[in-house]
Amino acid sequence: MATVVVKLMDKIEVEEVTASTRASMQASMITVYLAYAETAQRQHYKSLAVNIGTTLYEALAQAGWLSQFEELAVWCEQMADIEVPKAKLWHVGVYAQKQPLNYQLQASDRIEVYRSLNADPMSQRKSKSVVKSSN
């Protein structure tokens, strides 16, 4: 038998947890991974244990990213009711596939937060090739 300390609103409760209870709690949990390249130099990665049935939005909140990244929280509020991701407006996905915030996560999903691009990548490549060819 193990002892678990739970902190609830400045009140600490100690509960006895049996091995079977602990196994049952772990069986209802999955691990997901979060990735966010805030800038080219600042990247964030996190693994997170969540309950089966957790949504993409709930995982972002559990990870603390909605409080850590204000832009992401504002964007989530604006997009909360949208069921079908809109290409250029969408900032989150799973394995490079844009997903709605109510998407139910699967074990080992990689949640990706996309930042807005400063310029279209194709335009950047074209301008680089023009500069190289003129040299």
C-alpha atoms as a PDB file:
ATOM      1  CA  MET A   1       0.000   0.000   0.000  1.00  0.00           C
ATOM      2  CA  ALA A   2       1.290   3.464  -0.868  1.00  0.00           C
ATOM      3  CA  THR A   3       0.549   6.845   0.590  1.00  0.00           C
ATOM      4  CA  VAL A   4      -0.465   9.666  -1.738  1.00  0.00           C
ATOM      5  CA  VAL A   5      -0.425  13.289  -0.655  1.00  0.00           C
ATOM      6  CA  VAL A   6      -2.980  15.452  -2.422  1.00  0.00           C
ATOM      7  CA  LYS A   7      -2.970  19.247  -2.124  1.00  0.00           C
ATOM      8  CA  LEU A   8      -6.396  20.796  -2.582  1.00  0.00           C
ATOM      9  CA  MET A   9      -6.791  24.547  -2.175  1.00  0.00           C
ATOM     10  CA  ASP A  10      -4.125  24.916   0.545  1.00  0.00           C
ATOM     11  CA  LYS A  11      -5.417  21.812   2.347  1.00  0.00           C
ATOM     12  CA  ILE A  12      -3.325  18.676   2.307  1.00  0.00           C
ATOM     13  CA  GLU A  13      -5.037  15.294   2.441  1.00  0.00           C
ATOM     14  CA  VAL A  14      -3.258  11.979   2.801  1.00  0.00           C
ATOM     15  CA  GLU A  15      -4.901   9.000   1.179  1.00  0.00           C
ATOM     16  CA  GLU A  16      -3.982   5.341   1.222  1.00  0.00           C
ATOM     17  CA  VAL A  17      -3.833   3.944  -2.297  1.00  0.00           C
ATOM     18  CA  THR A  18      -3.729   0.220  -2.920  1.00  0.00           C
ATOM     19  CA  ALA A  19      -1.706  -1.286  -5.722  1.00  0.00           C
ATOM     20  CA  SER A  20      -4.893  -2.217  -7.612  1.00  0.00           C
ATOM     21  CA  THR A  21      -6.216   1.364  -7.349  1.00  0.00           C
ATOM     22  CA  ARG A  22      -2.879   2.698  -8.588  1.00  0.00           C
ATOM     23  CA  ALA A  23      -2.889   0.235 -11.510  1.00  0.00           C
ATOM     24  CA  SER A  24      -6.444   1.220 -12.398  1.00  0.00           C
ATOM     25  CA  MET A  25      -5.510   4.925 -12.335  1.00  0.00           C
ATOM     26  CA  GLN A  26      -2.515   4.283 -14.602  1.00  0.00           C
ATOM     27  CA  ALA A  27      -4.601   2.196 -17.018  1.00  0.00           C
ATOM     28  CA  SER A  28      -6.920   5.149 -17.587  1.00  0.00           C
ATOM     29  CA  MET A  29      -3.983   7.452 -18.407  1.00  0.00           C
ATOM     30  CA  ILE A  30      -2.130   7.974 -21.681  1.00  0.00           C
ATOM     31  CA  THR A  31       1.047   9.881 -22.436  1.00  0.00           C
ATOM     32  CA  VAL A  32       1.052  12.661 -25.021  1.00  0.00           C
ATOM     33  CA  TYR A  33       3.831  14.968 -26.126  1.00  0.00           C
ATOM     34  CA  LEU A  34       3.729  18.702 -26.754  1.00  0.00           C
ATOM     35  CA  ALA A  35       6.010  20.736 -29.019  1.00  0.00           C
ATOM     36  CA  TYR A  36       6.075  24.472 -29.650  1.00  0.00           C
ATOM     37  CA  ALA A  37       8.753  26.411 -31.522  1.00  0.00           C
ATOM     38  CA  GLU A  38       7.963  29.846 -30.108  1.00  0.00           C
ATOM     39  CA  THR A  39      10.838  31.268 -32.152  1.00  0.00           C
ATOM     40  CA  ALA A  40      13.679  29.641 -34.059  1.00  0.00           C
ATOM     41  CA  GLN A  41      15.776  29.924 -30.889  1.00  0.00           C
ATOM     42  CA  ARG A  42      13.105  29.200 -28.225  1.00  0.00           C
ATOM     43  CA  GLN A  43      11.533  25.773 -28.407  1.00  0.00           C
ATOM     44  CA  HIS A  44       9.414  24.013 -25.819  1.00  0.00           C
ATOM     45  CA  TYR A  45       8.861  20.274 -25.413  1.00  0.00           C
ATOM     46  CA  LYS A  46       6.892  18.465 -22.767  1.00  0.00           C
ATOM     47  CA  SER A  47       5.496  15.002 -22.103  1.00  0.00           C
ATOM     48  CA  LEU A  48       2.212  14.840 -20.249  1.00  0.00           C
ATOM     49  CA  ALA A  49       0.130  12.061 -18.699  1.00  0.00           C
ATOM     50  CA  VAL A  50      -3.576  12.707 -19.334  1.00  0.00           C
ATOM     51  CA  ASN A  51      -6.806  10.797 -18.864  1.00  0.00           C
ATOM     52  CA  ILE A  52      -8.189   8.831 -21.786  1.00  0.00           C
ATOM     53  CA  GLY A  53     -10.668  11.105 -23.570  1.00  0.00           C
ATOM     54  CA  THR A  54      -8.720  14.306 -22.902  1.00  0.00           C
ATOM     55  CA  THR A  55      -9.103  16.898 -25.652  1.00  0.00           C
ATOM     56  CA  LEU A  56      -6.348  18.843 -27.327  1.00  0.00           C
ATOM     57  CA  TYR A  57      -7.499  22.019 -25.525  1.00  0.00           C
ATOM     58  CA  GLU A  58      -7.556  20.289 -22.126  1.00  0.00           C
ATOM     59  CA  ALA A  59      -4.011  18.998 -22.653  1.00  0.00           C
ATOM     60  CA  LEU A  60      -2.763  22.498 -23.502  1.00  0.00           C
ATOM     61  CA  ALA A  61      -4.368  23.751 -20.280  1.00  0.00           C
ATOM     62  CA  GLN A  62      -3.006  20.855 -18.183  1.00  0.00           C
ATOM     63  CA  ALA A  63       0.483  21.489 -19.526  1.00  0.00           C
ATOM     64  CA  GLY A  64       0.209  25.100 -18.340  1.00  0.00           C
ATOM     65  CA  TRP A  65       0.752  26.430 -21.835  1.00  0.00           C
ATOM     66  CA  LEU A  66      -2.421  28.537 -21.854  1.00  0.00           C
ATOM     67  CA  SER A  67      -1.118  30.522 -18.907  1.00  0.00           C
ATOM     68  CA  GLN A  68       2.493  30.495 -20.111  1.00  0.00           C
ATOM     69  CA  PHE A  69       1.736  31.610 -23.676  1.00  0.00           C
ATOM     70  CA  GLU A  70      -0.875  34.378 -23.680  1.00  0.00           C
ATOM     71  CA  GLU A  71      -1.167  34.456 -27.499  1.00  0.00           C
ATOM     72  CA  LEU A  72      -2.084  30.767 -27.507  1.00  0.00           C
ATOM     73  CA  ALA A  73      -4.760  31.268 -24.823  1.00  0.00           C
ATOM     74  CA  VAL A  74      -6.325  34.166 -26.747  1.00  0.00           C
ATOM     75  CA  TRP A  75      -6.248  32.169 -29.990  1.00  0.00           C
ATOM     76  CA  CYS A  76      -7.882  29.149 -28.270  1.00  0.00           C
ATOM     77  CA  GLU A  77     -10.686  31.351 -26.942  1.00  0.00           C
ATOM     78  CA  GLN A  78     -11.339  32.699 -30.456  1.00  0.00           C
ATOM     79  CA  MET A  79     -11.292  29.241 -32.072  1.00  0.00           C
ATOM     80  CA  ALA A  80     -13.050  27.224 -29.338  1.00  0.00           C
ATOM     81  CA  ASP A  81     -16.264  26.621 -31.291  1.00  0.00           C
ATOM     82  CA  ILE A  82     -14.715  25.914 -34.698  1.00  0.00           C
ATOM     83  CA  GLU A  83     -15.041  22.266 -35.723  1.00  0.00           C
ATOM     84  CA  VAL A  84     -13.102  22.359 -38.999  1.00  0.00           C
ATOM     85  CA  PRO A  85      -9.617  23.894 -38.897  1.00  0.00           C
ATOM     86  CA  LYS A  86      -9.062  26.732 -41.363  1.00  0.00           C
ATOM     87  CA  ALA A  87      -5.680  26.406 -43.040  1.00  0.00           C
ATOM     88  CA  LYS A  88      -3.922  29.719 -42.475  1.00  0.00           C
ATOM     89  CA  LEU A  89      -5.679  30.555 -39.218  1.00  0.00           C
ATOM     90  CA  TRP A  90      -4.980  27.287 -37.410  1.00  0.00           C
ATOM     91  CA  HIS A  91      -2.186  27.093 -34.846  1.00  0.00           C
ATOM     92  CA  VAL A  92      -2.442  23.580 -33.354  1.00  0.00           C
ATOM     93  CA  GLY A  93      -2.378  20.058 -34.637  1.00  0.00           C
ATOM     94  CA  VAL A  94      -1.326  16.481 -34.025  1.00  0.00           C
ATOM     95  CA  TYR A  95       1.522  15.053 -36.091  1.00  0.00           C
ATOM     96  CA  ALA A  96       1.395  17.942 -38.599  1.00  0.00           C
ATOM     97  CA  GLN A  97      -2.350  17.484 -39.163  1.00  0.00           C
ATOM     98  CA  LYS A  98      -4.431  20.439 -38.053  1.00  0.00           C
ATOM     99  CA  GLN A  99      -7.048  19.327 -35.532  1.00  0.00           C
ATOM    100  CA  PRO A 100      -9.955  21.073 -33.787  1.00  0.00           C
ATOM    101  CA  LEU A 101      -9.505  21.910 -30.109  1.00  0.00           C
ATOM    102  CA  ASN A 102     -12.068  19.251 -29.171  1.00  0.00           C
ATOM    103  CA  TYR A 103     -10.006  16.475 -30.826  1.00  0.00           C
ATOM    104  CA  GLN A 104      -9.697  13.539 -28.397  1.00  0.00           C
ATOM    105  CA  LEU A 105      -6.080  12.592 -27.940  1.00  0.00           C
ATOM    106  CA  GLN A 106      -4.707   9.097 -28.478  1.00  0.00           C
ATOM    107  CA  ALA A 107      -1.745   7.513 -26.692  1.00  0.00           C
ATOM    108  CA  SER A 108       1.606   8.957 -27.849  1.00  0.00           C
ATOM    109  CA  ASP A 109       0.015  11.798 -29.867  1.00  0.00           C
ATOM    110  CA  ARG A 110       2.358  14.705 -30.498  1.00  0.00           C
ATOM    111  CA  ILE A 111       0.549  18.009 -30.053  1.00  0.00           C
ATOM    112  CA  GLU A 112       2.187  20.722 -32.123  1.00  0.00           C
ATOM    113  CA  VAL A 113       1.646  24.444 -31.682  1.00  0.00           C
ATOM    114  CA  TYR A 114       2.424  26.333 -34.872  1.00  0.00           C
ATOM    115  CA  ARG A 115       3.606  29.914 -34.889  1.00  0.00           C
ATOM    116  CA  SER A 116       2.562  32.404 -37.527  1.00  0.00           C
ATOM    117  CA  LEU A 117       5.017  32.713 -40.378  1.00  0.00           C
ATOM    118  CA  ASN A 118       6.526  36.089 -41.176  1.00  0.00           C
ATOM    119  CA  ALA A 119       6.602  35.302 -44.880  1.00  0.00           C
ATOM    120  CA  ASP A 120       5.408  32.605 -47.228  1.00  0.00           C
ATOM    121  CA  PRO A 121       8.117  29.881 -47.418  1.00  0.00           C
ATOM    122  CA  MET A 122       7.771  29.570 -51.209  1.00  0.00           C
ATOM    123  CA  SER A 123       8.313  33.319 -51.667  1.00  0.00           C
ATOM    124  CA  GLN A 124      11.380  33.136 -49.442  1.00  0.00           C
ATOM    125  CA  ARG A 125      12.863  30.302 -51.507  1.00  0.00           C
ATOM    126  CA  LYS A 126      12.199  32.183 -54.754  1.00  0.00           C
ATOM    127  CA  SER A 127      13.833  35.360 -53.467  1.00  0.00           C
ATOM    128  CA  LYS A 128      16.867  33.387 -52.260  1.00  0.00           C
ATOM    129  CA  SER A 129      17.262  31.710 -55.666  1.00  0.00           C
ATOM    130  CA  VAL A 130      16.990  35.094 -57.443  1.00  0.00           C
ATOM    131  CA  VAL A 131      19.724  36.535 -55.213  1.00  0.00           C
ATOM    132  CA  LYS A 132      22.003  33.508 -55.821  1.00  0.00           C
ATOM    133  CA  SER A 133      21.497  33.584 -59.596  1.00  0.00           C
ATOM    134  CA  SER A 134      22.296  37.303 -59.775  1.00  0.00           C
ATOM    135  CA  ASN A 135      25.688  36.744 -58.077  1.00  0.00           C
END
